[in-house]
PDB file of N, CA and C in Angstrom:
ATOM      1  N   UNK A   1      14.637  59.185  34.887  1.00  0.00           N
ATOM      2  CA  UNK A   1      13.560  58.777  34.017  1.00  0.00           C
ATOM      3  C   UNK A   1      12.468  58.154  34.883  1.00  0.00           C
ATOM      4  N   UNK A   2      11.277  58.667  34.762  1.00  0.00           N
ATOM      5  CA  UNK A   2      10.169  58.078  35.515  1.00  0.00           C
ATOM      6  C   UNK A   2       9.492  56.992  34.676  1.00  0.00           C
ATOM      7  N   UNK A   3       8.496  56.357  35.232  1.00  0.00           N
ATOM      8  CA  UNK A   3       7.851  55.233  34.542  1.00  0.00           C
ATOM      9  C   UNK A   3       7.182  55.663  33.239  1.00  0.00           C
ATOM     10  N   UNK A   4       6.586  56.837  33.221  1.00  0.00           N
ATOM     11  CA  UNK A   4       5.935  57.311  31.998  1.00  0.00           C
ATOM     12  C   UNK A   4       6.961  57.554  30.897  1.00  0.00           C
ATOM     13  N   UNK A   5       8.089  58.173  31.244  1.00  0.00           N
ATOM     14  CA  UNK A   5       9.163  58.384  30.272  1.00  0.00           C
ATOM     15  C   UNK A   5       9.716  57.050  29.778  1.00  0.00           C
ATOM     16  N   UNK A   6       9.863  56.093  30.686  1.00  0.00           N
ATOM     17  CA  UNK A   6      10.366  54.768  30.315  1.00  0.00           C
ATOM     18  C   UNK A   6       9.411  54.081  29.353  1.00  0.00           C
ATOM     19  N   UNK A   7       8.116  54.206  29.592  1.00  0.00           N
ATOM     20  CA  UNK A   7       7.120  53.613  28.698  1.00  0.00           C
ATOM     21  C   UNK A   7       7.213  54.238  27.309  1.00  0.00           C
ATOM     22  N   UNK A   8       7.299  55.547  27.254  1.00  0.00           N
ATOM     23  CA  UNK A   8       7.420  56.234  25.959  1.00  0.00           C
ATOM     24  C   UNK A   8       8.684  55.810  25.227  1.00  0.00           C
ATOM     25  N   UNK A   9       9.806  55.747  25.950  1.00  0.00           N
ATOM     26  CA  UNK A   9      11.077  55.354  25.351  1.00  0.00           C
ATOM     27  C   UNK A   9      10.983  53.937  24.789  1.00  0.00           C
ATOM     28  N   UNK A  10      10.378  53.043  25.560  1.00  0.00           N
ATOM     29  CA  UNK A  10      10.252  51.646  25.139  1.00  0.00           C
ATOM     30  C   UNK A  10       9.371  51.514  23.909  1.00  0.00           C
ATOM     31  N   UNK A  11       8.246  52.209  23.872  1.00  0.00           N
ATOM     32  CA  UNK A  11       7.357  52.089  22.714  1.00  0.00           C
ATOM     33  C   UNK A  11       7.998  52.684  21.464  1.00  0.00           C
ATOM     34  N   UNK A  12       8.742  53.766  21.601  1.00  0.00           N
ATOM     35  CA  UNK A  12       9.443  54.346  20.447  1.00  0.00           C
ATOM     36  C   UNK A  12      10.526  53.382  19.959  1.00  0.00           C
ATOM     37  N   UNK A  13      11.250  52.788  20.881  1.00  0.00           N
ATOM     38  CA  UNK A  13      12.315  51.848  20.530  1.00  0.00           C
ATOM     39  C   UNK A  13      11.757  50.622  19.814  1.00  0.00           C
ATOM     40  N   UNK A  14      10.693  50.044  20.332  1.00  0.00           N
ATOM     41  CA  UNK A  14      10.173  48.805  19.759  1.00  0.00           C
ATOM     42  C   UNK A  14       9.437  49.018  18.439  1.00  0.00           C
ATOM     43  N   UNK A  15       8.988  50.222  18.145  1.00  0.00           N
ATOM     44  CA  UNK A  15       8.361  50.495  16.850  1.00  0.00           C
ATOM     45  C   UNK A  15       9.360  50.335  15.712  1.00  0.00           C
ATOM     46  N   UNK A  16      10.646  50.517  16.013  1.00  0.00           N
ATOM     47  CA  UNK A  16      11.676  50.450  14.977  1.00  0.00           C
ATOM     48  C   UNK A  16      12.292  49.069  14.819  1.00  0.00           C
ATOM     49  N   UNK A  17      11.838  48.097  15.581  1.00  0.00           N
ATOM     50  CA  UNK A  17      12.394  46.746  15.505  1.00  0.00           C
ATOM     51  C   UNK A  17      11.876  46.063  14.245  1.00  0.00           C
ATOM     52  N   UNK A  18      12.791  45.493  13.473  1.00  0.00           N
ATOM     53  CA  UNK A  18      12.405  44.711  12.304  1.00  0.00           C
ATOM     54  C   UNK A  18      13.082  43.347  12.396  1.00  0.00           C
ATOM     55  N   UNK A  19      12.476  42.366  11.796  1.00  0.00           N
ATOM     56  CA  UNK A  19      13.031  41.027  11.761  1.00  0.00           C
ATOM     57  C   UNK A  19      13.365  40.691  10.316  1.00  0.00           C
ATOM     58  N   UNK A  20      14.594  40.289  10.083  1.00  0.00           N
ATOM     59  CA  UNK A  20      15.043  39.926   8.748  1.00  0.00           C
ATOM     60  C   UNK A  20      14.948  38.420   8.571  1.00  0.00           C
ATOM     61  N   UNK A  21      14.717  37.966   7.328  1.00  0.00           N
ATOM     62  CA  UNK A  21      14.693  36.521   7.086  1.00  0.00           C
ATOM     63  C   UNK A  21      16.045  35.891   7.433  1.00  0.00           C
ATOM     64  N   UNK A  22      16.018  34.628   7.827  1.00  0.00           N
ATOM     65  CA  UNK A  22      17.215  33.887   8.185  1.00  0.00           C
ATOM     66  C   UNK A  22      17.685  33.118   6.950  1.00  0.00           C
ATOM     67  N   UNK A  23      18.989  33.150   6.685  1.00  0.00           N
ATOM     68  CA  UNK A  23      19.532  32.403   5.555  1.00  0.00           C
ATOM     69  C   UNK A  23      20.404  31.268   6.082  1.00  0.00           C
ATOM     70  N   UNK A  24      20.073  30.041   5.662  1.00  0.00           N
ATOM     71  CA  UNK A  24      20.821  28.854   6.064  1.00  0.00           C
ATOM     72  C   UNK A  24      21.146  28.055   4.804  1.00  0.00           C
ATOM     73  N   UNK A  25      22.432  27.860   4.578  1.00  0.00           N
ATOM     74  CA  UNK A  25      22.889  27.101   3.406  1.00  0.00           C
ATOM     75  C   UNK A  25      22.288  27.622   2.106  1.00  0.00           C
ATOM     76  N   UNK A  26      22.210  28.939   1.977  1.00  0.00           N
ATOM     77  CA  UNK A  26      21.704  29.557   0.754  1.00  0.00           C
ATOM     78  C   UNK A  26      20.194  29.613   0.642  1.00  0.00           C
ATOM     79  N   UNK A  27      19.454  29.044   1.578  1.00  0.00           N
ATOM     80  CA  UNK A  27      17.993  29.088   1.572  1.00  0.00           C
ATOM     81  C   UNK A  27      17.520  30.118   2.584  1.00  0.00           C
ATOM     82  N   UNK A  28      16.507  30.873   2.227  1.00  0.00           N
ATOM     83  CA  UNK A  28      15.970  31.911   3.092  1.00  0.00           C
ATOM     84  C   UNK A  28      14.701  31.414   3.777  1.00  0.00           C
ATOM     85  N   UNK A  29      14.629  31.628   5.091  1.00  0.00           N
ATOM     86  CA  UNK A  29      13.473  31.228   5.884  1.00  0.00           C
ATOM     87  C   UNK A  29      12.934  32.440   6.624  1.00  0.00           C
ATOM     88  N   UNK A  30      11.619  32.564   6.634  1.00  0.00           N
ATOM     89  CA  UNK A  30      10.977  33.637   7.389  1.00  0.00           C
ATOM     90  C   UNK A  30      10.340  33.028   8.632  1.00  0.00           C
ATOM     91  N   UNK A  31      10.731  33.509   9.788  1.00  0.00           N
ATOM     92  CA  UNK A  31      10.180  33.020  11.046  1.00  0.00           C
ATOM     93  C   UNK A  31       9.047  33.959  11.434  1.00  0.00           C
ATOM     94  N   UNK A  32       7.850  33.409  11.599  1.00  0.00           N
ATOM     95  CA  UNK A  32       6.675  34.256  11.802  1.00  0.00           C
ATOM     96  C   UNK A  32       6.139  34.245  13.232  1.00  0.00           C
ATOM     97  N   UNK A  33       6.649  33.397  14.099  1.00  0.00           N
ATOM     98  CA  UNK A  33       6.088  33.312  15.454  1.00  0.00           C
ATOM     99  C   UNK A  33       7.081  33.831  16.502  1.00  0.00           C
ATOM    100  N   UNK A  34       7.773  34.929  16.198  1.00  0.00           N
ATOM    101  CA  UNK A  34       8.749  35.484  17.132  1.00  0.00           C
ATOM    102  C   UNK A  34       8.071  36.311  18.208  1.00  0.00           C
ATOM    103  N   UNK A  35       8.666  36.317  19.368  1.00  0.00           N
ATOM    104  CA  UNK A  35       8.231  37.208  20.440  1.00  0.00           C
ATOM    105  C   UNK A  35       9.472  37.751  21.126  1.00  0.00           C
ATOM    106  N   UNK A  36       9.299  38.796  21.891  1.00  0.00           N
ATOM    107  CA  UNK A  36      10.437  39.424  22.545  1.00  0.00           C
ATOM    108  C   UNK A  36      10.035  39.888  23.936  1.00  0.00           C
ATOM    109  N   UNK A  37      11.039  40.093  24.763  1.00  0.00           N
ATOM    110  CA  UNK A  37      10.819  40.617  26.112  1.00  0.00           C
ATOM    111  C   UNK A  37      11.884  41.661  26.395  1.00  0.00           C
ATOM    112  N   UNK A  38      11.508  42.697  27.090  1.00  0.00           N
ATOM    113  CA  UNK A  38      12.428  43.765  27.458  1.00  0.00           C
ATOM    114  C   UNK A  38      12.372  43.915  28.966  1.00  0.00           C
ATOM    115  N   UNK A  39      13.492  43.719  29.624  1.00  0.00           N
ATOM    116  CA  UNK A  39      13.566  43.856  31.077  1.00  0.00           C
ATOM    117  C   UNK A  39      14.194  45.193  31.429  1.00  0.00           C
ATOM    118  N   UNK A  40      13.703  45.791  32.485  1.00  0.00           N
ATOM    119  CA  UNK A  40      14.211  47.078  32.937  1.00  0.00           C
ATOM    120  C   UNK A  40      14.666  46.945  34.384  1.00  0.00           C
ATOM    121  N   UNK A  41      15.867  47.429  34.651  1.00  0.00           N
ATOM    122  CA  UNK A  41      16.390  47.460  36.008  1.00  0.00           C
ATOM    123  C   UNK A  41      16.089  48.836  36.595  1.00  0.00           C
ATOM    124  N   UNK A  42      15.198  48.905  37.565  1.00  0.00           N
ATOM    125  CA  UNK A  42      14.793  50.189  38.150  1.00  0.00           C
ATOM    126  C   UNK A  42      15.764  50.652  39.222  1.00  0.00           C
ATOM    127  N   UNK A  43      16.867  49.958  39.426  1.00  0.00           N
ATOM    128  CA  UNK A  43      17.837  50.333  40.448  1.00  0.00           C
ATOM    129  C   UNK A  43      18.624  51.588  40.070  1.00  0.00           C
ATOM    130  N   UNK A  44      19.473  52.015  40.951  1.00  0.00           N
ATOM    131  CA  UNK A  44      20.281  53.209  40.749  1.00  0.00           C
ATOM    132  C   UNK A  44      21.416  52.891  39.768  1.00  0.00           C
ATOM    133  N   UNK A  45      21.640  53.754  38.796  1.00  0.00           N
ATOM    134  CA  UNK A  45      22.720  53.588  37.841  1.00  0.00           C
ATOM    135  C   UNK A  45      24.002  54.115  38.461  1.00  0.00           C
ATOM    136  N   UNK A  46      25.027  53.265  38.526  1.00  0.00           N
ATOM    137  CA  UNK A  46      26.258  53.682  39.180  1.00  0.00           C
ATOM    138  C   UNK A  46      27.340  54.136  38.187  1.00  0.00           C
ATOM    139  N   UNK A  47      27.048  54.085  36.892  1.00  0.00           N
ATOM    140  CA  UNK A  47      27.979  54.616  35.900  1.00  0.00           C
ATOM    141  C   UNK A  47      29.084  53.679  35.468  1.00  0.00           C
ATOM    142  N   UNK A  48      29.159  52.486  36.017  1.00  0.00           N
ATOM    143  CA  UNK A  48      30.218  51.545  35.627  1.00  0.00           C
ATOM    144  C   UNK A  48      29.686  50.453  34.764  1.00  0.00           C
TER     145      UNK A  48
END
C-alpha cells in the first residue's frame, strides 16, 4: 500500500465513524468536543 492508497483507505474508514451518546446511571449524555488520531506504522509487516 502506498501513501495515496493509505490516504484513501483512511478517509473511507473515518467517514463511517459515528459517536453514540454515553449512558451513565440511566442518564444519556452527548459529548460534542471529541477528537481522534490515527497512527500508521510504515514499517514492514512481518505477519505475526
